[in-house]
C-alpha atoms as a PDB file:
ATOM      1  CA  MET A   1     108.254  81.829 111.339  1.00  0.00           C
ATOM      2  CA  TYR A   2     105.951  84.875 111.616  1.00  0.00           C
ATOM      3  CA  HIS A   3     107.287  88.236 110.823  1.00  0.00           C
ATOM      4  CA  VAL A   4     103.826  89.613 112.865  1.00  0.00           C
ATOM      5  CA  ILE A   5     101.766  87.973 115.213  1.00  0.00           C
ATOM      6  CA  VAL A   6      98.417  89.729 115.958  1.00  0.00           C
ATOM      7  CA  ILE A   7      95.869  88.486 118.787  1.00  0.00           C
ATOM      8  CA  GLY A   8      92.287  88.794 118.060  1.00  0.00           C
ATOM      9  CA  GLY A   9      90.473  88.447 115.172  1.00  0.00           C
ATOM     10  CA  ALA A  10      87.826  91.592 115.423  1.00  0.00           C
ATOM     11  CA  SER A  11      87.843  94.513 112.914  1.00  0.00           C
ATOM     12  CA  ALA A  12      91.084  96.048 114.560  1.00  0.00           C
ATOM     13  CA  GLY A  13      92.933  92.583 114.335  1.00  0.00           C
ATOM     14  CA  LEU A  14      91.659  91.687 111.047  1.00  0.00           C
ATOM     15  CA  THR A  15      92.591  95.544 110.220  1.00  0.00           C
ATOM     16  CA  ALA A  16      96.090  95.169 110.928  1.00  0.00           C
ATOM     17  CA  ALA A  17      96.594  91.677 109.959  1.00  0.00           C
ATOM     18  CA  MET A  18      95.595  93.036 106.449  1.00  0.00           C
ATOM     19  CA  TYR A  19      97.957  95.909 106.389  1.00  0.00           C
ATOM     20  CA  THR A  20     101.147  93.454 107.390  1.00  0.00           C
ATOM     21  CA  SER A  21     100.103  91.625 104.680  1.00  0.00           C
ATOM     22  CA  ARG A  22     100.196  94.182 102.098  1.00  0.00           C
ATOM     23  CA  GLN A  23     103.819  94.761 102.963  1.00  0.00           C
ATOM     24  CA  GLY A  24     104.824  91.662 102.652  1.00  0.00           C
ATOM     25  CA  LEU A  25     105.147  90.694 106.452  1.00  0.00           C
ATOM     26  CA  LYS A  26     103.676  86.620 106.746  1.00  0.00           C
ATOM     27  CA  THR A  27     101.056  87.682 109.741  1.00  0.00           C
ATOM     28  CA  LEU A  28      99.401  85.005 112.098  1.00  0.00           C
ATOM     29  CA  VAL A  29      96.253  85.880 113.373  1.00  0.00           C
ATOM     30  CA  ILE A  30      95.607  84.234 116.646  1.00  0.00           C
ATOM     31  CA  THR A  31      91.796  84.302 118.213  1.00  0.00           C
ATOM     32  CA  LYS A  32      88.666  82.500 119.343  1.00  0.00           C
ATOM     33  CA  ASP A  33      86.481  83.172 116.290  1.00  0.00           C
ATOM     34  CA  ILE A  34      86.494  85.934 113.865  1.00  0.00           C
ATOM     35  CA  GLY A  35      84.501  89.037 114.575  1.00  0.00           C
ATOM     36  CA  GLY A  36      84.660  89.541 118.569  1.00  0.00           C
ATOM     37  CA  GLN A  37      81.575  91.733 120.049  1.00  0.00           C
ATOM     38  CA  ALA A  38      80.523  92.883 116.635  1.00  0.00           C
ATOM     39  CA  LEU A  39      78.742  89.360 116.015  1.00  0.00           C
ATOM     40  CA  LEU A  40      76.622  90.132 118.875  1.00  0.00           C
ATOM     41  CA  THR A  41      75.382  93.484 117.297  1.00  0.00           C
ATOM     42  CA  ASN A  42      72.110  92.999 114.821  1.00  0.00           C
ATOM     43  CA  ASP A  43      72.553  96.355 113.250  1.00  0.00           C
ATOM     44  CA  ILE A  44      75.704  98.904 112.724  1.00  0.00           C
ATOM     45  CA  GLU A  45      74.778 102.173 111.177  1.00  0.00           C
ATOM     46  CA  ASN A  46      77.123 104.892 109.574  1.00  0.00           C
ATOM     47  CA  TYR A  47      80.008 102.239 109.634  1.00  0.00           C
ATOM     48  CA  PRO A  48      82.067 103.628 106.273  1.00  0.00           C
ATOM     49  CA  ALA A  49      80.426 102.057 102.981  1.00  0.00           C
ATOM     50  CA  PHE A  50      77.733 100.575 105.024  1.00  0.00           C
ATOM     51  CA  GLU A  51      74.581 102.945 105.619  1.00  0.00           C
ATOM     52  CA  HIS A  52      73.059  99.788 107.777  1.00  0.00           C
ATOM     53  CA  ILE A  53      74.483  96.360 108.373  1.00  0.00           C
ATOM     54  CA  SER A  54      74.775  93.697 110.973  1.00  0.00           C
ATOM     55  CA  GLY A  55      77.525  92.792 112.625  1.00  0.00           C
ATOM     56  CA  PHE A  56      77.676  88.695 111.165  1.00  0.00           C
ATOM     57  CA  GLU A  57      77.667  90.473 107.927  1.00  0.00           C
ATOM     58  CA  LEU A  58      80.536  92.844 108.773  1.00  0.00           C
ATOM     59  CA  MET A  59      82.544  90.556 110.297  1.00  0.00           C
ATOM     60  CA  SER A  60      81.819  88.018 107.388  1.00  0.00           C
ATOM     61  CA  LYS A  61      83.195  90.834 104.625  1.00  0.00           C
ATOM     62  CA  PHE A  62      86.142  91.391 107.323  1.00  0.00           C
ATOM     63  CA  GLU A  63      87.311  87.643 107.021  1.00  0.00           C
ATOM     64  CA  GLN A  64      87.053  86.976 103.569  1.00  0.00           C
ATOM     65  CA  HIS A  65      89.165  90.542 102.313  1.00  0.00           C
ATOM     66  CA  ALA A  66      91.370  88.987 105.058  1.00  0.00           C
ATOM     67  CA  LYS A  67      92.216  86.088 103.242  1.00  0.00           C
END
C-alpha cells in the first residue's frame, strides 16, 4: 500500500514524489515515460542551477535524484 500515488513523471510529478518521499511517505509514480514534454526540448535556458541544459539531460538528472 502507498501513502501517495503521483500520476505523471515529468518535472512536477517527480518533484512531488521527491518531497513526499522525504517526508517518509511511501510513494508510487505512475507514468508512461520519465520526462514528459521536456524530453522533446533541445535547449533549456536559465533553469535553476543550469545556464544551458538539454531536456533529456535535465530529466535524466531528475530521474536519478528521484530514485
